[in-house]
Amino acid sequence: MPVNVRYIVRDVEAAIDFYTKVLGFEVDIHPAPGFARLRFGDLWLLLNRPGAGGAGQAMPDGSEPAPGGWNRFQVEVEDLDETVGRMRTQGVTFRSDILAGTGGRQVLVDDPSGNPIELFEPVRRD
């Protein structure tokens, strides 16, 4: 069963470029300038631009959706050091250095609108 995550982005084209070229997502549909749906395995990423209708439209009180925050999805990688090195050469913005924890190592990267993605390398147990 697919999992849907919706991110509000300032520029749908820039987000598509980032997610496809840097993280390996595939474009499923891109029917309008303010919306696209991307796929990564069972994850469907819905991208909406504020003011573009649908999930990008203003709330009844006038507040508009905005990118950023700390909620994120996680992409598991085999070699975090190699992944981070490659992404640095592509100009990706990192929120942190690689952090080690009980279950593995992680780093937070930002998409072009400032939405975080966690890259995670789990501890390999033999």
PDB file of N, CA and C in Angstrom:
ATOM      1  N   MET A   1       0.844  -1.179   0.000  1.00  0.00           N
ATOM      2  CA  MET A   1       0.000   0.000   0.000  1.00  0.00           C
ATOM      3  C   MET A   1       0.890   1.244   0.000  1.00  0.00           C
ATOM      4  N   PRO A   2       0.687   2.150  -0.930  1.00  0.00           N
ATOM      5  CA  PRO A   2       1.509   3.362  -0.969  1.00  0.00           C
ATOM      6  C   PRO A   2       1.230   4.276   0.218  1.00  0.00           C
ATOM      7  N   VAL A   3       2.224   5.062   0.558  1.00  0.00           N
ATOM      8  CA  VAL A   3       2.103   6.086   1.587  1.00  0.00           C
ATOM      9  C   VAL A   3       2.208   7.428   0.883  1.00  0.00           C
ATOM     10  N   ASN A   4       1.267   8.332   1.164  1.00  0.00           N
ATOM     11  CA  ASN A   4       1.280   9.666   0.574  1.00  0.00           C
ATOM     12  C   ASN A   4       1.792  10.682   1.584  1.00  0.00           C
ATOM     13  N   VAL A   5       2.711  11.519   1.145  1.00  0.00           N
ATOM     14  CA  VAL A   5       3.207  12.636   1.932  1.00  0.00           C
ATOM     15  C   VAL A   5       3.040  13.873   1.067  1.00  0.00           C
ATOM     16  N   ARG A   6       2.494  14.944   1.648  1.00  0.00           N
ATOM     17  CA  ARG A   6       2.320  16.192   0.899  1.00  0.00           C
ATOM     18  C   ARG A   6       3.308  17.219   1.430  1.00  0.00           C
ATOM     19  N   TYR A   7       4.068  17.831   0.508  1.00  0.00           N
ATOM     20  CA  TYR A   7       4.969  18.918   0.857  1.00  0.00           C
ATOM     21  C   TYR A   7       4.527  20.162   0.104  1.00  0.00           C
ATOM     22  N   ILE A   8       4.532  21.265   0.824  1.00  0.00           N
ATOM     23  CA  ILE A   8       4.286  22.564   0.210  1.00  0.00           C
ATOM     24  C   ILE A   8       5.639  23.088  -0.251  1.00  0.00           C
ATOM     25  N   VAL A   9       5.728  23.484  -1.522  1.00  0.00           N
ATOM     26  CA  VAL A   9       6.996  23.953  -2.090  1.00  0.00           C
ATOM     27  C   VAL A   9       6.788  25.299  -2.781  1.00  0.00           C
ATOM     28  N   ARG A  10       7.820  26.114  -2.795  1.00  0.00           N
ATOM     29  CA  ARG A  10       7.722  27.421  -3.456  1.00  0.00           C
ATOM     30  C   ARG A  10       7.716  27.294  -4.973  1.00  0.00           C
ATOM     31  N   ASP A  11       8.449  26.297  -5.489  1.00  0.00           N
ATOM     32  CA  ASP A  11       8.624  26.137  -6.928  1.00  0.00           C
ATOM     33  C   ASP A  11       8.547  24.643  -7.259  1.00  0.00           C
ATOM     34  N   VAL A  12       7.464  24.227  -7.875  1.00  0.00           N
ATOM     35  CA  VAL A  12       7.251  22.809  -8.171  1.00  0.00           C
ATOM     36  C   VAL A  12       8.320  22.289  -9.121  1.00  0.00           C
ATOM     37  N   GLU A  13       8.708  23.063 -10.115  1.00  0.00           N
ATOM     38  CA  GLU A  13       9.738  22.625 -11.071  1.00  0.00           C
ATOM     39  C   GLU A  13      11.078  22.388 -10.366  1.00  0.00           C
ATOM     40  N   ALA A  14      11.465  23.300  -9.480  1.00  0.00           N
ATOM     41  CA  ALA A  14      12.726  23.126  -8.739  1.00  0.00           C
ATOM     42  C   ALA A  14      12.644  21.897  -7.840  1.00  0.00           C
ATOM     43  N   ALA A  15      11.491  21.668  -7.240  1.00  0.00           N
ATOM     44  CA  ALA A  15      11.315  20.490  -6.383  1.00  0.00           C
ATOM     45  C   ALA A  15      11.406  19.203  -7.207  1.00  0.00           C
ATOM     46  N   ILE A  16      10.772  19.184  -8.365  1.00  0.00           N
ATOM     47  CA  ILE A  16      10.847  18.004  -9.243  1.00  0.00           C
ATOM     48  C   ILE A  16      12.302  17.728  -9.611  1.00  0.00           C
ATOM     49  N   ASP A  17      13.028  18.764  -9.985  1.00  0.00           N
ATOM     50  CA  ASP A  17      14.431  18.621 -10.355  1.00  0.00           C
ATOM     51  C   ASP A  17      15.235  18.024  -9.200  1.00  0.00           C
ATOM     52  N   PHE A  18      15.045  18.548  -7.992  1.00  0.00           N
ATOM     53  CA  PHE A  18      15.754  18.060  -6.813  1.00  0.00           C
ATOM     54  C   PHE A  18      15.405  16.604  -6.513  1.00  0.00           C
ATOM     55  N   TYR A  19      14.140  16.305  -6.402  1.00  0.00           N
ATOM     56  CA  TYR A  19      13.738  14.955  -5.991  1.00  0.00           C
ATOM     57  C   TYR A  19      14.077  13.890  -7.034  1.00  0.00           C
ATOM     58  N   THR A  20      14.023  14.238  -8.320  1.00  0.00           N
ATOM     59  CA  THR A  20      14.346  13.234  -9.336  1.00  0.00           C
ATOM     60  C   THR A  20      15.856  13.083  -9.526  1.00  0.00           C
ATOM     61  N   LYS A  21      16.579  14.184  -9.609  1.00  0.00           N
ATOM     62  CA  LYS A  21      18.012  14.113  -9.901  1.00  0.00           C
ATOM     63  C   LYS A  21      18.872  13.792  -8.689  1.00  0.00           C
ATOM     64  N   VAL A  22      18.467  14.257  -7.512  1.00  0.00           N
ATOM     65  CA  VAL A  22      19.285  14.070  -6.322  1.00  0.00           C
ATOM     66  C   VAL A  22      18.882  12.820  -5.543  1.00  0.00           C
ATOM     67  N   LEU A  23      17.571  12.558  -5.429  1.00  0.00           N
ATOM     68  CA  LEU A  23      17.113  11.452  -4.598  1.00  0.00           C
ATOM     69  C   LEU A  23      16.532  10.271  -5.365  1.00  0.00           C
ATOM     70  N   GLY A  24      16.412  10.379  -6.680  1.00  0.00           N
ATOM     71  CA  GLY A  24      15.972   9.230  -7.477  1.00  0.00           C
ATOM     72  C   GLY A  24      14.477   8.996  -7.546  1.00  0.00           C
ATOM     73  N   PHE A  25      13.659   9.997  -7.230  1.00  0.00           N
ATOM     74  CA  PHE A  25      12.210   9.876  -7.392  1.00  0.00           C
ATOM     75  C   PHE A  25      11.864   9.855  -8.876  1.00  0.00           C
ATOM     76  N   GLU A  26      10.673   9.375  -9.199  1.00  0.00           N
ATOM     77  CA  GLU A  26      10.154   9.415 -10.568  1.00  0.00           C
ATOM     78  C   GLU A  26       8.895  10.266 -10.589  1.00  0.00           C
ATOM     79  N   VAL A  27       8.705  11.035 -11.659  1.00  0.00           N
ATOM     80  CA  VAL A  27       7.482  11.831 -11.807  1.00  0.00           C
ATOM     81  C   VAL A  27       6.360  10.898 -12.223  1.00  0.00           C
ATOM     82  N   ASP A  28       5.269  10.908 -11.469  1.00  0.00           N
ATOM     83  CA  ASP A  28       4.075  10.146 -11.825  1.00  0.00           C
ATOM     84  C   ASP A  28       3.158  11.021 -12.672  1.00  0.00           C
ATOM     85  N   ILE A  29       2.764  12.167 -12.118  1.00  0.00           N
ATOM     86  CA  ILE A  29       1.963  13.132 -12.873  1.00  0.00           C
ATOM     87  C   ILE A  29       2.418  14.549 -12.539  1.00  0.00           C
ATOM     88  N   HIS A  30       2.260  15.443 -13.502  1.00  0.00           N
ATOM     89  CA  HIS A  30       2.568  16.865 -13.331  1.00  0.00           C
ATOM     90  C   HIS A  30       1.573  17.627 -14.216  1.00  0.00           C
ATOM     91  N   PRO A  31       0.282  17.619 -13.790  1.00  0.00           N
ATOM     92  CA  PRO A  31      -0.768  18.153 -14.653  1.00  0.00           C
ATOM     93  C   PRO A  31      -0.893  19.670 -14.680  1.00  0.00           C
ATOM     94  N   ALA A  32      -0.239  20.362 -13.718  1.00  0.00           N
ATOM     95  CA  ALA A  32      -0.366  21.814 -13.652  1.00  0.00           C
ATOM     96  C   ALA A  32       0.906  22.390 -13.032  1.00  0.00           C
ATOM     97  N   PRO A  33       1.190  23.668 -13.282  1.00  0.00           N
ATOM     98  CA  PRO A  33       2.414  24.257 -12.722  1.00  0.00           C
ATOM     99  C   PRO A  33       2.487  24.195 -11.194  1.00  0.00           C
ATOM    100  N   GLY A  34       1.346  24.183 -10.530  1.00  0.00           N
ATOM    101  CA  GLY A  34       1.329  24.217  -9.068  1.00  0.00           C
ATOM    102  C   GLY A  34       1.220  22.866  -8.399  1.00  0.00           C
ATOM    103  N   PHE A  35       1.293  21.755  -9.147  1.00  0.00           N
ATOM    104  CA  PHE A  35       1.133  20.436  -8.538  1.00  0.00           C
ATOM    105  C   PHE A  35       1.894  19.366  -9.312  1.00  0.00           C
ATOM    106  N   ALA A  36       2.457  18.413  -8.567  1.00  0.00           N
ATOM    107  CA  ALA A  36       3.055  17.216  -9.158  1.00  0.00           C
ATOM    108  C   ALA A  36       2.988  16.094  -8.133  1.00  0.00           C
ATOM    109  N   ARG A  37       2.960  14.865  -8.637  1.00  0.00           N
ATOM    110  CA  ARG A  37       3.026  13.695  -7.765  1.00  0.00           C
ATOM    111  C   ARG A  37       4.222  12.859  -8.207  1.00  0.00           C
ATOM    112  N   LEU A  38       5.121  12.596  -7.250  1.00  0.00           N
ATOM    113  CA  LEU A  38       6.334  11.832  -7.514  1.00  0.00           C
ATOM    114  C   LEU A  38       6.258  10.508  -6.765  1.00  0.00           C
ATOM    115  N   ARG A  39       7.071   9.555  -7.219  1.00  0.00           N
ATOM    116  CA  ARG A  39       7.057   8.232  -6.593  1.00  0.00           C
ATOM    117  C   ARG A  39       8.476   7.787  -6.267  1.00  0.00           C
ATOM    118  N   PHE A  40       8.610   7.161  -5.089  1.00  0.00           N
ATOM    119  CA  PHE A  40       9.859   6.547  -4.662  1.00  0.00           C
ATOM    120  C   PHE A  40       9.469   5.252  -3.945  1.00  0.00           C
ATOM    121  N   GLY A  41       9.494   4.130  -4.654  1.00  0.00           N
ATOM    122  CA  GLY A  41       9.009   2.873  -4.070  1.00  0.00           C
ATOM    123  C   GLY A  41       7.536   2.996  -3.735  1.00  0.00           C
ATOM    124  N   ASP A  42       7.178   2.736  -2.489  1.00  0.00           N
ATOM    125  CA  ASP A  42       5.790   2.854  -2.039  1.00  0.00           C
ATOM    126  C   ASP A  42       5.435   4.243  -1.535  1.00  0.00           C
ATOM    127  N   LEU A  43       6.370   5.195  -1.625  1.00  0.00           N
ATOM    128  CA  LEU A  43       6.121   6.561  -1.170  1.00  0.00           C
ATOM    129  C   LEU A  43       5.681   7.422  -2.345  1.00  0.00           C
ATOM    130  N   TRP A  44       4.543   8.049  -2.206  1.00  0.00           N
ATOM    131  CA  TRP A  44       4.057   9.019  -3.182  1.00  0.00           C
ATOM    132  C   TRP A  44       4.219  10.400  -2.551  1.00  0.00           C
ATOM    133  N   LEU A  45       4.976  11.275  -3.191  1.00  0.00           N
ATOM    134  CA  LEU A  45       5.211  12.619  -2.697  1.00  0.00           C
ATOM    135  C   LEU A  45       4.379  13.593  -3.516  1.00  0.00           C
ATOM    136  N   LEU A  46       3.464  14.269  -2.848  1.00  0.00           N
ATOM    137  CA  LEU A  46       2.576  15.240  -3.491  1.00  0.00           C
ATOM    138  C   LEU A  46       3.158  16.627  -3.253  1.00  0.00           C
ATOM    139  N   LEU A  47       3.452  17.346  -4.318  1.00  0.00           N
ATOM    140  CA  LEU A  47       4.054  18.669  -4.238  1.00  0.00           C
ATOM    141  C   LEU A  47       3.024  19.716  -4.628  1.00  0.00           C
ATOM    142  N   ASN A  48       2.787  20.680  -3.747  1.00  0.00           N
ATOM    143  CA  ASN A  48       1.832  21.752  -4.005  1.00  0.00           C
ATOM    144  C   ASN A  48       2.489  23.100  -3.773  1.00  0.00           C
ATOM    145  N   ARG A  49       2.206  24.036  -4.664  1.00  0.00           N
ATOM    146  CA  ARG A  49       2.670  25.412  -4.506  1.00  0.00           C
ATOM    147  C   ARG A  49       1.567  26.217  -3.816  1.00  0.00           C
ATOM    148  N   PRO A  50       1.919  27.063  -2.810  1.00  0.00           N
ATOM    149  CA  PRO A  50       0.899  27.894  -2.175  1.00  0.00           C
ATOM    150  C   PRO A  50       0.158  28.740  -3.208  1.00  0.00           C
ATOM    151  N   GLY A  51      -1.132  28.848  -3.035  1.00  0.00           N
ATOM    152  CA  GLY A  51      -1.957  29.665  -3.914  1.00  0.00           C
ATOM    153  C   GLY A  51      -2.354  29.004  -5.216  1.00  0.00           C
ATOM    154  N   ALA A  52      -1.938  27.749  -5.434  1.00  0.00           N
ATOM    155  CA  ALA A  52      -2.206  27.077  -6.702  1.00  0.00           C
ATOM    156  C   ALA A  52      -3.482  26.237  -6.661  1.00  0.00           C
ATOM    157  N   GLY A  53      -4.317  26.412  -5.642  1.00  0.00           N
ATOM    158  CA  GLY A  53      -5.543  25.633  -5.545  1.00  0.00           C
ATOM    159  C   GLY A  53      -5.308  24.318  -4.844  1.00  0.00           C
ATOM    160  N   GLY A  54      -6.371  23.572  -4.640  1.00  0.00           N
ATOM    161  CA  GLY A  54      -6.247  22.288  -3.947  1.00  0.00           C
ATOM    162  C   GLY A  54      -5.626  22.482  -2.584  1.00  0.00           C
ATOM    163  N   ALA A  55      -4.656  21.647  -2.251  1.00  0.00           N
ATOM    164  CA  ALA A  55      -4.002  21.730  -0.948  1.00  0.00           C
ATOM    165  C   ALA A  55      -3.161  22.985  -0.788  1.00  0.00           C
ATOM    166  N   GLY A  56      -2.910  23.720  -1.870  1.00  0.00           N
ATOM    167  CA  GLY A  56      -2.131  24.951  -1.794  1.00  0.00           C
ATOM    168  C   GLY A  56      -2.966  26.194  -1.516  1.00  0.00           C
ATOM    169  N   GLN A  57      -4.280  26.020  -1.429  1.00  0.00           N
ATOM    170  CA  GLN A  57      -5.127  27.198  -1.241  1.00  0.00           C
ATOM    171  C   GLN A  57      -5.145  27.679   0.210  1.00  0.00           C
ATOM    172  N   ALA A  58      -5.479  28.948   0.385  1.00  0.00           N
ATOM    173  CA  ALA A  58      -5.508  29.571   1.708  1.00  0.00           C
ATOM    174  C   ALA A  58      -6.623  28.970   2.571  1.00  0.00           C
ATOM    175  N   MET A  59      -6.408  29.012   3.872  1.00  0.00           N
ATOM    176  CA  MET A  59      -7.403  28.568   4.840  1.00  0.00           C
ATOM    177  C   MET A  59      -8.476  29.649   4.986  1.00  0.00           C
ATOM    178  N   PRO A  60      -9.614  29.310   5.578  1.00  0.00           N
ATOM    179  CA  PRO A  60     -10.670  30.318   5.748  1.00  0.00           C
ATOM    180  C   PRO A  60     -10.218  31.585   6.475  1.00  0.00           C
ATOM    181  N   ASP A  61      -9.205  31.471   7.362  1.00  0.00           N
ATOM    182  CA  ASP A  61      -8.717  32.654   8.076  1.00  0.00           C
ATOM    183  C   ASP A  61      -7.704  33.457   7.261  1.00  0.00           C
ATOM    184  N   GLY A  62      -7.407  32.999   6.030  1.00  0.00           N
ATOM    185  CA  GLY A  62      -6.480  33.706   5.156  1.00  0.00           C
ATOM    186  C   GLY A  62      -5.050  33.214   5.207  1.00  0.00           C
ATOM    187  N   SER A  63      -4.709  32.358   6.170  1.00  0.00           N
ATOM    188  CA  SER A  63      -3.335  31.860   6.237  1.00  0.00           C
ATOM    189  C   SER A  63      -3.080  30.902   5.086  1.00  0.00           C
ATOM    190  N   GLU A  64      -1.853  30.982   4.557  1.00  0.00           N
ATOM    191  CA  GLU A  64      -1.487  30.138   3.425  1.00  0.00           C
ATOM    192  C   GLU A  64      -0.517  29.056   3.859  1.00  0.00           C
ATOM    193  N   PRO A  65      -0.569  27.892   3.219  1.00  0.00           N
ATOM    194  CA  PRO A  65       0.407  26.853   3.506  1.00  0.00           C
ATOM    195  C   PRO A  65       1.812  27.364   3.194  1.00  0.00           C
ATOM    196  N   ALA A  66       2.785  26.878   3.958  1.00  0.00           N
ATOM    197  CA  ALA A  66       4.168  27.308   3.757  1.00  0.00           C
ATOM    198  C   ALA A  66       5.111  26.124   3.956  1.00  0.00           C
ATOM    199  N   PRO A  67       6.215  26.096   3.213  1.00  0.00           N
ATOM    200  CA  PRO A  67       7.183  25.012   3.378  1.00  0.00           C
ATOM    201  C   PRO A  67       8.000  25.176   4.648  1.00  0.00           C
ATOM    202  N   GLY A  68       8.750  24.120   4.969  1.00  0.00           N
ATOM    203  CA  GLY A  68       9.685  24.162   6.086  1.00  0.00           C
ATOM    204  C   GLY A  68       9.235  23.293   7.244  1.00  0.00           C
ATOM    205  N   GLY A  69       9.648  23.642   8.434  1.00  0.00           N
ATOM    206  CA  GLY A  69       9.300  22.872   9.624  1.00  0.00           C
ATOM    207  C   GLY A  69      10.291  21.752   9.871  1.00  0.00           C
ATOM    208  N   TRP A  70       9.917  20.837  10.779  1.00  0.00           N
ATOM    209  CA  TRP A  70      10.801  19.744  11.159  1.00  0.00           C
ATOM    210  C   TRP A  70      10.223  18.379  10.849  1.00  0.00           C
ATOM    211  N   ASN A  71       8.938  18.275  10.560  1.00  0.00           N
ATOM    212  CA  ASN A  71       8.395  16.981  10.153  1.00  0.00           C
ATOM    213  C   ASN A  71       9.063  16.589   8.851  1.00  0.00           C
ATOM    214  N   ARG A  72       9.334  15.289   8.684  1.00  0.00           N
ATOM    215  CA  ARG A  72      10.065  14.861   7.510  1.00  0.00           C
ATOM    216  C   ARG A  72       9.797  13.393   7.232  1.00  0.00           C
ATOM    217  N   PHE A  73      10.187  12.966   6.040  1.00  0.00           N
ATOM    218  CA  PHE A  73      10.200  11.542   5.757  1.00  0.00           C
ATOM    219  C   PHE A  73      11.652  11.107   5.688  1.00  0.00           C
ATOM    220  N   GLN A  74      11.852   9.812   5.804  1.00  0.00           N
ATOM    221  CA  GLN A  74      13.201   9.257   5.869  1.00  0.00           C
ATOM    222  C   GLN A  74      13.474   8.413   4.629  1.00  0.00           C
ATOM    223  N   VAL A  75      14.653   8.593   4.061  1.00  0.00           N
ATOM    224  CA  VAL A  75      15.115   7.761   2.955  1.00  0.00           C
ATOM    225  C   VAL A  75      16.315   6.970   3.475  1.00  0.00           C
ATOM    226  N   GLU A  76      16.204   5.646   3.443  1.00  0.00           N
ATOM    227  CA  GLU A  76      17.293   4.799   3.904  1.00  0.00           C
ATOM    228  C   GLU A  76      18.322   4.658   2.795  1.00  0.00           C
ATOM    229  N   VAL A  77      19.593   4.806   3.162  1.00  0.00           N
ATOM    230  CA  VAL A  77      20.689   4.696   2.196  1.00  0.00           C
ATOM    231  C   VAL A  77      21.687   3.633   2.667  1.00  0.00           C
ATOM    232  N   GLU A  78      22.404   3.056   1.713  1.00  0.00           N
ATOM    233  CA  GLU A  78      23.400   2.021   2.026  1.00  0.00           C
ATOM    234  C   GLU A  78      24.677   2.629   2.607  1.00  0.00           C
ATOM    235  N   ASP A  79      25.139   3.751   2.024  1.00  0.00           N
ATOM    236  CA  ASP A  79      26.409   4.369   2.416  1.00  0.00           C
ATOM    237  C   ASP A  79      26.180   5.867   2.585  1.00  0.00           C
ATOM    238  N   LEU A  80      25.986   6.288   3.826  1.00  0.00           N
ATOM    239  CA  LEU A  80      25.652   7.680   4.101  1.00  0.00           C
ATOM    240  C   LEU A  80      26.794   8.623   3.718  1.00  0.00           C
ATOM    241  N   ASP A  81      28.032   8.226   3.992  1.00  0.00           N
ATOM    242  CA  ASP A  81      29.164   9.093   3.647  1.00  0.00           C
ATOM    243  C   ASP A  81      29.240   9.344   2.144  1.00  0.00           C
ATOM    244  N   GLU A  82      29.068   8.295   1.347  1.00  0.00           N
ATOM    245  CA  GLU A  82      29.106   8.445  -0.115  1.00  0.00           C
ATOM    246  C   GLU A  82      27.939   9.305  -0.589  1.00  0.00           C
ATOM    247  N   THR A  83      26.766   9.072  -0.035  1.00  0.00           N
ATOM    248  CA  THR A  83      25.570   9.828  -0.431  1.00  0.00           C
ATOM    249  C   THR A  83      25.742  11.308  -0.113  1.00  0.00           C
ATOM    250  N   VAL A  84      26.211  11.609   1.083  1.00  0.00           N
ATOM    251  CA  VAL A  84      26.423  13.005   1.483  1.00  0.00           C
ATOM    252  C   VAL A  84      27.486  13.654   0.599  1.00  0.00           C
ATOM    253  N   GLY A  85      28.576  12.956   0.326  1.00  0.00           N
ATOM    254  CA  GLY A  85      29.616  13.505  -0.541  1.00  0.00           C
ATOM    255  C   GLY A  85      29.101  13.841  -1.925  1.00  0.00           C
ATOM    256  N   ARG A  86      28.314  12.934  -2.503  1.00  0.00           N
ATOM    257  CA  ARG A  86      27.740  13.168  -3.836  1.00  0.00           C
ATOM    258  C   ARG A  86      26.792  14.359  -3.815  1.00  0.00           C
ATOM    259  N   MET A  87      25.958  14.427  -2.767  1.00  0.00           N
ATOM    260  CA  MET A  87      24.979  15.512  -2.679  1.00  0.00           C
ATOM    261  C   MET A  87      25.654  16.867  -2.460  1.00  0.00           C
ATOM    262  N   ARG A  88      26.752  16.880  -1.726  1.00  0.00           N
ATOM    263  CA  ARG A  88      27.482  18.149  -1.526  1.00  0.00           C
ATOM    264  C   ARG A  88      27.984  18.691  -2.867  1.00  0.00           C
ATOM    265  N   THR A  89      28.440  17.798  -3.765  1.00  0.00           N
ATOM    266  CA  THR A  89      28.915  18.253  -5.078  1.00  0.00           C
ATOM    267  C   THR A  89      27.772  18.794  -5.925  1.00  0.00           C
ATOM    268  N   GLN A  90      26.525  18.421  -5.581  1.00  0.00           N
ATOM    269  CA  GLN A  90      25.349  18.909  -6.303  1.00  0.00           C
ATOM    270  C   GLN A  90      24.784  20.176  -5.668  1.00  0.00           C
ATOM    271  N   GLY A  91      25.437  20.683  -4.622  1.00  0.00           N
ATOM    272  CA  GLY A  91      25.006  21.925  -3.993  1.00  0.00           C
ATOM    273  C   GLY A  91      23.827  21.786  -3.050  1.00  0.00           C
ATOM    274  N   VAL A  92      23.565  20.587  -2.556  1.00  0.00           N
ATOM    275  CA  VAL A  92      22.448  20.356  -1.644  1.00  0.00           C
ATOM    276  C   VAL A  92      22.738  21.028  -0.298  1.00  0.00           C
ATOM    277  N   THR A  93      21.698  21.606   0.308  1.00  0.00           N
ATOM    278  CA  THR A  93      21.808  22.258   1.609  1.00  0.00           C
ATOM    279  C   THR A  93      21.551  21.245   2.718  1.00  0.00           C
ATOM    280  N   PHE A  94      22.462  21.181   3.677  1.00  0.00           N
ATOM    281  CA  PHE A  94      22.347  20.277   4.821  1.00  0.00           C
ATOM    282  C   PHE A  94      22.004  21.081   6.068  1.00  0.00           C
ATOM    283  N   ARG A  95      21.115  20.535   6.897  1.00  0.00           N
ATOM    284  CA  ARG A  95      20.793  21.173   8.173  1.00  0.00           C
ATOM    285  C   ARG A  95      21.770  20.775   9.259  1.00  0.00           C
ATOM    286  N   SER A  96      22.456  19.681   9.071  1.00  0.00           N
ATOM    287  CA  SER A  96      23.346  19.173  10.116  1.00  0.00           C
ATOM    288  C   SER A  96      24.486  18.398   9.476  1.00  0.00           C
ATOM    289  N   ASP A  97      25.474  18.080  10.303  1.00  0.00           N
ATOM    290  CA  ASP A  97      26.475  17.100   9.919  1.00  0.00           C
ATOM    291  C   ASP A  97      25.863  15.732  10.199  1.00  0.00           C
ATOM    292  N   ILE A  98      26.556  14.679   9.839  1.00  0.00           N
ATOM    293  CA  ILE A  98      26.077  13.328  10.119  1.00  0.00           C
ATOM    294  C   ILE A  98      26.079  13.111  11.630  1.00  0.00           C
ATOM    295  N   LEU A  99      24.950  12.620  12.129  1.00  0.00           N
ATOM    296  CA  LEU A  99      24.785  12.334  13.547  1.00  0.00           C
ATOM    297  C   LEU A  99      24.648  10.838  13.743  1.00  0.00           C
ATOM    298  N   ALA A 100      25.286  10.305  14.791  1.00  0.00           N
ATOM    299  CA  ALA A 100      25.196   8.873  15.088  1.00  0.00           C
ATOM    300  C   ALA A 100      24.262   8.659  16.262  1.00  0.00           C
ATOM    301  N   GLY A 101      23.450   7.607  16.163  1.00  0.00           N
ATOM    302  CA  GLY A 101      22.539   7.248  17.243  1.00  0.00           C
ATOM    303  C   GLY A 101      22.568   5.750  17.456  1.00  0.00           C
ATOM    304  N   THR A 102      21.697   5.280  18.298  1.00  0.00           N
ATOM    305  CA  THR A 102      21.652   3.859  18.628  1.00  0.00           C
ATOM    306  C   THR A 102      21.344   2.994  17.419  1.00  0.00           C
ATOM    307  N   GLY A 103      20.411   3.434  16.575  1.00  0.00           N
ATOM    308  CA  GLY A 103      19.982   2.621  15.442  1.00  0.00           C
ATOM    309  C   GLY A 103      20.725   2.854  14.147  1.00  0.00           C
ATOM    310  N   GLY A 104      21.560   3.894  14.118  1.00  0.00           N
ATOM    311  CA  GLY A 104      22.273   4.182  12.887  1.00  0.00           C
ATOM    312  C   GLY A 104      22.737   5.617  12.839  1.00  0.00           C
ATOM    313  N   ARG A 105      23.026   6.087  11.619  1.00  0.00           N
ATOM    314  CA  ARG A 105      23.497   7.458  11.410  1.00  0.00           C
ATOM    315  C   ARG A 105      22.512   8.180  10.498  1.00  0.00           C
ATOM    316  N   GLN A 106      22.416   9.490  10.692  1.00  0.00           N
ATOM    317  CA  GLN A 106      21.473  10.278   9.903  1.00  0.00           C
ATOM    318  C   GLN A 106      22.010  11.670   9.641  1.00  0.00           C
ATOM    319  N   VAL A 107      21.422  12.292   8.634  1.00  0.00           N
ATOM    320  CA  VAL A 107      21.696  13.687   8.328  1.00  0.00           C
ATOM    321  C   VAL A 107      20.420  14.264   7.735  1.00  0.00           C
ATOM    322  N   LEU A 108      20.169  15.547   7.978  1.00  0.00           N
ATOM    323  CA  LEU A 108      19.010  16.220   7.408  1.00  0.00           C
ATOM    324  C   LEU A 108      19.439  17.106   6.254  1.00  0.00           C
ATOM    325  N   VAL A 109      18.737  16.973   5.133  1.00  0.00           N
ATOM    326  CA  VAL A 109      18.958  17.827   3.973  1.00  0.00           C
ATOM    327  C   VAL A 109      17.670  18.584   3.694  1.00  0.00           C
ATOM    328  N   ASP A 110      17.787  19.723   3.051  1.00  0.00           N
ATOM    329  CA  ASP A 110      16.620  20.525   2.670  1.00  0.00           C
ATOM    330  C   ASP A 110      16.381  20.426   1.180  1.00  0.00           C
ATOM    331  N   ASP A 111      15.101  20.340   0.801  1.00  0.00           N
ATOM    332  CA  ASP A 111      14.770  20.471  -0.614  1.00  0.00           C
ATOM    333  C   ASP A 111      14.866  21.958  -0.965  1.00  0.00           C
ATOM    334  N   PRO A 112      14.667  22.352  -2.211  1.00  0.00           N
ATOM    335  CA  PRO A 112      14.830  23.759  -2.587  1.00  0.00           C
ATOM    336  C   PRO A 112      13.912  24.737  -1.855  1.00  0.00           C
ATOM    337  N   SER A 113      12.819  24.236  -1.249  1.00  0.00           N
ATOM    338  CA  SER A 113      11.909  25.110  -0.506  1.00  0.00           C
ATOM    339  C   SER A 113      12.157  25.095   0.995  1.00  0.00           C
ATOM    340  N   GLY A 114      13.129  24.308   1.455  1.00  0.00           N
ATOM    341  CA  GLY A 114      13.424  24.241   2.881  1.00  0.00           C
ATOM    342  C   GLY A 114      12.716  23.123   3.624  1.00  0.00           C
ATOM    343  N   ASN A 115      12.089  22.189   2.902  1.00  0.00           N
ATOM    344  CA  ASN A 115      11.467  21.036   3.542  1.00  0.00           C
ATOM    345  C   ASN A 115      12.541  19.994   3.834  1.00  0.00           C
ATOM    346  N   PRO A 116      12.563  19.445   5.057  1.00  0.00           N
ATOM    347  CA  PRO A 116      13.621  18.495   5.405  1.00  0.00           C
ATOM    348  C   PRO A 116      13.352  17.072   4.930  1.00  0.00           C
ATOM    349  N   ILE A 117      14.447  16.381   4.609  1.00  0.00           N
ATOM    350  CA  ILE A 117      14.436  14.951   4.306  1.00  0.00           C
ATOM    351  C   ILE A 117      15.544  14.353   5.157  1.00  0.00           C
ATOM    352  N   GLU A 118      15.240  13.267   5.848  1.00  0.00           N
ATOM    353  CA  GLU A 118      16.254  12.586   6.641  1.00  0.00           C
ATOM    354  C   GLU A 118      16.858  11.450   5.830  1.00  0.00           C
ATOM    355  N   LEU A 119      18.170  11.466   5.682  1.00  0.00           N
ATOM    356  CA  LEU A 119      18.884  10.348   5.070  1.00  0.00           C
ATOM    357  C   LEU A 119      19.399   9.497   6.227  1.00  0.00           C
ATOM    358  N   PHE A 120      19.123   8.196   6.182  1.00  0.00           N
ATOM    359  CA  PHE A 120      19.406   7.317   7.322  1.00  0.00           C
ATOM    360  C   PHE A 120      20.136   6.069   6.873  1.00  0.00           C
ATOM    361  N   GLU A 121      21.239   5.778   7.533  1.00  0.00           N
ATOM    362  CA  GLU A 121      21.987   4.533   7.324  1.00  0.00           C
ATOM    363  C   GLU A 121      21.872   3.714   8.608  1.00  0.00           C
ATOM    364  N   PRO A 122      21.094   2.627   8.573  1.00  0.00           N
ATOM    365  CA  PRO A 122      20.922   1.834   9.798  1.00  0.00           C
ATOM    366  C   PRO A 122      22.198   1.086  10.178  1.00  0.00           C
ATOM    367  N   VAL A 123      22.320   0.785  11.456  1.00  0.00           N
ATOM    368  CA  VAL A 123      23.416  -0.044  11.934  1.00  0.00           C
ATOM    369  C   VAL A 123      23.219  -1.418  11.312  1.00  0.00           C
ATOM    370  N   ARG A 124      24.273  -1.953  10.726  1.00  0.00           N
ATOM    371  CA  ARG A 124      24.211  -3.284  10.125  1.00  0.00           C
ATOM    372  C   ARG A 124      24.515  -4.317  11.203  1.00  0.00           C
ATOM    373  N   ARG A 125      23.573  -5.173  11.452  1.00  0.00           N
ATOM    374  CA  ARG A 125      23.749  -6.233  12.454  1.00  0.00           C
ATOM    375  C   ARG A 125      23.969  -7.546  11.715  1.00  0.00           C
ATOM    376  N   ASP A 126      25.073  -8.202  12.017  1.00  0.00           N
ATOM    377  CA  ASP A 126      25.397  -9.462  11.338  1.00  0.00           C
ATOM    378  C   ASP A 126      24.728 -10.643  11.971  1.00  0.00           C
TER     379      ASP A 126
END
